[in-house]
Protein backbone atom coordinates (compact mmCIF):
# COMPACT_ATOMS: atom_id res chain seq x y z
CA MET A 1 0.14 -0.03 -0.18
CA LEU A 2 1.23 3.78 -0.23
CA ALA A 3 -1.11 6.29 1.75
CA GLY A 4 -3.09 3.30 3.78
CA HIS A 5 -0.68 3.25 6.05
CA TYR A 6 -1.31 6.83 6.87
CA ALA A 7 -5.05 6.39 7.85
CA THR A 8 -3.69 3.94 10.48
CA ALA A 9 -1.80 6.57 11.95
CA LEU A 10 -4.54 9.64 12.26
CA VAL A 11 -7.27 6.81 14.17
CA ALA A 12 -4.06 5.56 16.55
CA ASP A 13 -3.28 9.39 17.41
CA GLN A 14 -7.42 9.85 18.52
CA HIS A 15 -6.06 7.24 21.81
CA THR A 16 -3.58 9.15 22.86
CA GLU A 17 -3.38 12.90 25.18
CA LYS A 18 -0.01 14.04 23.67
CA ASN A 19 1.18 15.17 20.33
CA THR A 20 1.37 12.31 18.73
CA LEU A 21 0.28 12.44 15.09
CA PHE A 22 3.93 13.46 13.37
CA PHE A 23 5.36 9.89 15.22
CA PHE A 24 2.46 7.66 14.29
CA LEU A 25 3.00 9.06 11.06
CA VAL A 26 5.79 7.72 10.95
CA ALA A 27 5.52 4.65 12.70
CA SER A 28 3.18 3.52 9.69
CA ALA A 29 5.09 4.38 6.95
CA VAL A 30 8.60 3.10 8.76
CA PRO A 31 9.29 -0.42 6.63
CA ASP A 32 9.03 2.06 3.21
CA LEU A 33 10.56 4.27 4.14
CA LEU A 34 13.76 2.26 5.56
CA TRP A 35 13.16 0.64 2.28
CA HIS A 36 13.93 4.08 0.29
CA ALA A 37 16.76 4.27 2.78
CA PHE A 38 18.37 0.79 1.99
CA ALA A 39 17.52 1.23 -1.56
CA LEU A 40 20.13 4.36 -1.75
CA ILE A 41 22.70 1.95 -0.09
CA GLY A 42 22.58 -0.81 -2.21
CA LEU A 43 20.91 -2.97 -0.10
CA GLU A 44 17.33 -3.26 -1.10
CA PRO A 45 18.58 -2.44 -4.54
CA THR A 46 15.11 -1.81 -6.88
CA GLY A 47 14.07 -1.43 -10.03
CA PRO A 48 13.22 -0.03 -13.13
CA ALA A 49 15.39 3.33 -12.26
CA ASN A 50 13.29 5.48 -14.39
CA ILE A 51 10.07 6.29 -12.23
CA LEU A 52 8.12 6.98 -15.79
CA ASP A 53 8.91 3.03 -16.03
CA MET A 54 7.39 1.81 -13.31
CA THR A 55 4.44 -0.19 -13.38
CA LEU A 56 2.89 -2.04 -10.06
CA GLN A 57 4.10 -5.37 -11.95
CA ASN A 58 7.26 -4.58 -12.97
CA LEU A 59 8.71 -2.78 -9.94
CA ASP A 60 11.30 -5.40 -8.60
CA VAL A 61 12.88 -5.05 -5.31
CA ASP A 62 13.76 -7.30 -2.65
CA MET A 63 12.59 -6.26 0.43
CA THR A 64 14.37 -8.49 3.04
CA TYR A 65 15.58 -5.91 5.35
CA SER A 66 12.86 -3.53 5.67
CA HIS A 67 9.83 -5.92 5.39
CA ASP A 68 10.88 -9.57 5.78
CA LEU A 69 8.59 -11.50 9.16
CA ILE A 70 12.44 -11.57 11.13
CA PRO A 71 13.65 -8.10 10.32
CA THR A 72 10.33 -6.51 10.80
CA LEU A 73 9.63 -8.50 14.79
CA ILE A 74 13.31 -6.75 15.22
CA TRP A 75 12.66 -3.27 13.79
CA ALA A 76 9.45 -3.24 16.48
CA PRO A 77 10.93 -3.32 19.33
CA VAL A 78 13.82 -0.68 18.11
CA PHE A 79 10.51 1.65 17.60
CA TYR A 80 8.65 0.77 20.72
CA GLY A 81 12.11 2.33 22.54
CA LEU A 82 12.08 5.00 20.39
CA GLY A 83 8.62 5.75 21.13
CA LEU A 84 8.92 5.29 24.77
CA TRP A 85 12.39 7.75 24.72
CA LEU A 86 11.15 10.82 23.04
CA PHE A 87 7.16 10.37 24.87
CA LYS A 88 7.79 8.13 28.48
CA ARG A 89 4.73 6.61 27.99
CA HIS A 90 4.18 2.73 27.12
CA LYS A 91 0.97 3.54 25.21
CA ILE A 92 2.50 5.52 22.87
CA ALA A 93 5.50 3.64 22.42
CA LEU A 94 2.90 0.49 22.11
CA LEU A 95 0.54 1.83 19.53
CA GLY A 96 3.75 2.74 17.29
CA ALA A 97 5.46 -0.36 17.55
CA LEU A 98 2.28 -2.06 16.32
CA LEU A 99 1.98 0.37 13.80
CA LEU A 100 5.05 -0.34 12.07
CA ILE A 101 3.93 -4.66 12.77
CA GLY A 102 0.21 -3.60 10.93
CA HIS A 103 2.23 -1.72 7.67
CA THR A 104 4.28 -5.41 6.67
CA VAL A 105 0.71 -7.29 8.00
CA THR A 106 -1.72 -4.93 5.35
CA ASP A 107 1.34 -5.74 2.94
CA TYR A 108 1.61 -8.72 2.84
CA MET A 109 -2.02 -9.50 2.64
CA ALA A 110 -1.53 -7.37 -0.97
CA GLY A 111 1.89 -6.08 -1.90
CA TYR A 112 5.06 -7.40 -3.20
CA PRO A 113 6.69 -10.66 -2.22
CA HIS A 114 7.81 -10.61 1.04
CA HIS A 115 9.51 -13.23 2.99
CA VAL A 116 10.53 -15.16 6.21
CA PHE A 117 14.08 -13.03 5.45
CA GLY A 118 15.25 -13.33 2.62
CA PRO A 119 14.21 -14.97 -0.77
CA GLU A 120 15.77 -18.12 0.23
CA THR A 121 12.79 -18.50 2.69
CA PRO A 122 9.52 -19.60 2.79
CA SER A 123 7.59 -16.75 1.25
CA ILE A 124 4.72 -14.64 3.34
CA GLY A 125 2.03 -13.20 1.94
CA TYR A 126 -0.62 -12.55 -1.12
CA ALA A 127 2.30 -10.61 -3.99
CA ALA A 128 -1.07 -9.10 -5.25
CA TYR A 129 1.14 -5.79 -7.31
CA LYS A 130 2.97 -8.80 -9.14
CA THR A 131 -0.31 -11.08 -10.11
CA GLN A 132 -3.34 -9.39 -10.07
CA PRO A 133 -2.59 -5.66 -9.15
CA LEU A 134 -6.50 -4.61 -9.57
CA VAL A 135 -6.43 -6.62 -6.10
CA GLY A 136 -3.94 -4.95 -4.22
CA VAL A 137 -5.58 -1.46 -5.96
CA ALA A 138 -9.03 -2.06 -4.31
CA TRP A 139 -6.98 -3.65 -0.64
CA GLU A 140 -5.94 0.52 -0.60
CA ALA A 141 -9.44 2.10 -1.27
CA ALA A 142 -11.18 -0.40 1.40
CA PHE A 143 -8.23 -0.35 4.03
CA SER A 144 -8.24 3.22 3.77
CA ALA A 145 -12.14 4.22 3.84
CA ALA A 146 -12.52 1.62 5.97
CA PHE A 147 -9.65 3.55 8.79
CA LEU A 148 -10.94 6.68 7.35
CA TYR A 149 -14.67 5.95 8.37
CA LEU A 150 -13.53 5.18 11.80
CA PHE A 151 -11.75 8.73 12.36
CA PHE A 152 -14.13 10.62 11.66
CA ARG A 153 -16.61 8.71 13.41
CA THR A 154 -14.92 8.89 16.13
CA GLU A 155 -14.18 12.67 15.74
CA ARG A 156 -18.15 13.13 15.31
CA ARG A 157 -18.62 10.97 18.76
CA ARG A 158 -16.28 13.18 20.87
CA GLY A 159 -18.16 16.37 19.49
CA VAL A 160 -14.65 16.94 16.70
CA HIS A 161 -16.39 19.46 14.19
CA ARG A 162 -14.23 19.62 10.99
CA SER A 163 -15.17 21.66 7.43
CA ARG A 164 -15.61 20.15 4.77
CA ASP A 165 -13.26 21.48 3.03
CA ASN A 166 -10.51 20.12 5.15
CA MET A 167 -12.73 16.66 5.16
CA ALA A 168 -12.16 16.62 1.17
CA ALA A 169 -8.49 17.69 1.29
CA ILE A 170 -7.84 14.89 3.80
CA ILE A 171 -9.65 12.12 1.95
CA GLY A 172 -8.38 13.26 -1.23
CA LEU A 173 -5.38 12.33 -0.88
CA PHE A 174 -6.25 8.86 -0.10
CA ALA A 175 -8.74 8.80 -3.13
CA GLY A 176 -6.18 10.37 -5.56
CA THR A 177 -3.31 7.68 -4.12
CA VAL A 178 -6.20 4.73 -5.59
CA ILE A 179 -6.45 6.67 -8.93
CA PHE A 180 -2.10 6.93 -9.02
CA LEU A 181 -2.01 3.63 -8.70
CA THR A 182 -4.60 2.15 -10.91
CA PHE A 183 -2.92 4.37 -13.65
CA GLY A 184 0.04 2.34 -12.84
CA VAL A 185 -1.66 -0.89 -13.60
CA GLY A 186 -0.15 -2.36 -17.22
CA THR A 187 1.07 0.48 -18.04
CA SER A 188 4.05 2.13 -17.17
CA TYR A 189 3.33 5.92 -16.07
CA GLY A 190 5.14 7.27 -18.79
CA GLU A 191 3.73 5.70 -21.61
CA ARG A 192 0.34 6.45 -19.58
CA PHE A 193 0.62 10.08 -19.81
CA GLY A 194 2.33 9.61 -23.65
CA LEU A 195 5.52 11.22 -22.22
CA PRO A 196 8.86 10.90 -24.29
CA GLU A 197 11.64 8.99 -23.01
CA ILE A 198 13.93 11.47 -20.66
CA ASP A 199 17.01 9.71 -18.67
CA SER A 200 17.65 12.60 -16.30
CA ASP A 201 18.91 11.88 -12.50
CA LEU A 202 15.62 13.52 -11.05
CA LEU A 203 13.17 10.67 -12.12
CA GLY A 204 14.84 7.97 -10.16
CA THR A 205 12.29 5.77 -8.53
CA ILE A 206 13.46 5.49 -5.10
CA PRO A 207 14.11 9.41 -4.97
CA ASN A 208 10.45 10.82 -6.36
CA LEU A 209 9.17 7.37 -4.05
CA MET A 210 10.71 9.16 -0.97
CA PHE A 211 9.59 12.54 -2.50
CA VAL A 212 5.76 11.03 -2.35
CA TYR A 213 6.34 9.37 1.25
CA TRP A 214 7.11 12.32 2.67
CA ALA A 215 4.88 14.80 0.93
CA MET A 216 1.72 12.94 1.95
CA LEU A 217 2.75 12.46 5.32
CA PHE A 218 3.51 16.62 5.84
CA TYR A 219 0.15 17.22 4.00
CA LEU A 220 -1.29 15.69 6.81
CA TYR A 221 0.20 16.69 9.25
CA TYR A 222 -0.85 19.89 8.22
CA PHE A 223 -3.85 19.39 6.76
CA VAL A 224 -5.09 17.13 9.90
CA PRO A 225 -4.72 19.23 12.80
CA LYS A 226 -6.23 22.28 10.81
CA GLY A 227 -9.60 21.55 10.14
CA VAL A 228 -10.57 20.79 13.59
CA THR A 229 -12.89 24.21 14.93
CA LYS A 230 -14.11 22.70 18.20
CA PRO A 231 -10.73 21.05 20.15
CA VAL A 232 -11.72 17.71 22.04
CA ALA A 233 -11.97 18.55 25.13
CA ALA A 234 -9.05 17.09 27.51
CA ASP A 235 -11.39 14.60 29.78
CA VAL A 236 -12.69 12.39 26.80
CA ARG A 237 -8.88 11.19 26.00
């Protein structure tokens, strides 16, 4: 998934008493952020090199250190420790670790190939983006919709009022992601939009994916608090 992971962070943030949104947004995306970093240093090389040549099916990456089962069981307590150090609250640290684990579990359900630890070990999950990409896109849409429903329902029950424009801005990010992924099914983005072949470092797949992930993160970090016109009372959190 792409933006769908961030939807879990919005729900988790509703259950703490501190300003945890940024921490939870990062926690929900940690495996992918690690993948980007590991790709840059050659641990998890990713192709094609040019993002305009990419489709959901031809994205080729071995996510051994960022998404496989054993590394996930290591990264989760590491992030738990980070959360405990930052916030001094076991609940926040545990939620952060669960968001990280939840990322990989949802990817196992519909994402790219994952294993216990490395391609020579048993595979885990349903690599829908490789075999049935529309199933993977549908999973992204359904998962995002479910968590956004929980998020907005909880706000209403707690008396939080949010402008329609702000709700549209938040929902639009997730809807736009589904559209973006759908465009990448079967046909590269360059071919889809009739773009000429451009050989440029500015179109590197990993740098552009890094930009997209961080742009979405800061987008939500800006818009989610901004739209609240009646804050939640202190005694209900």
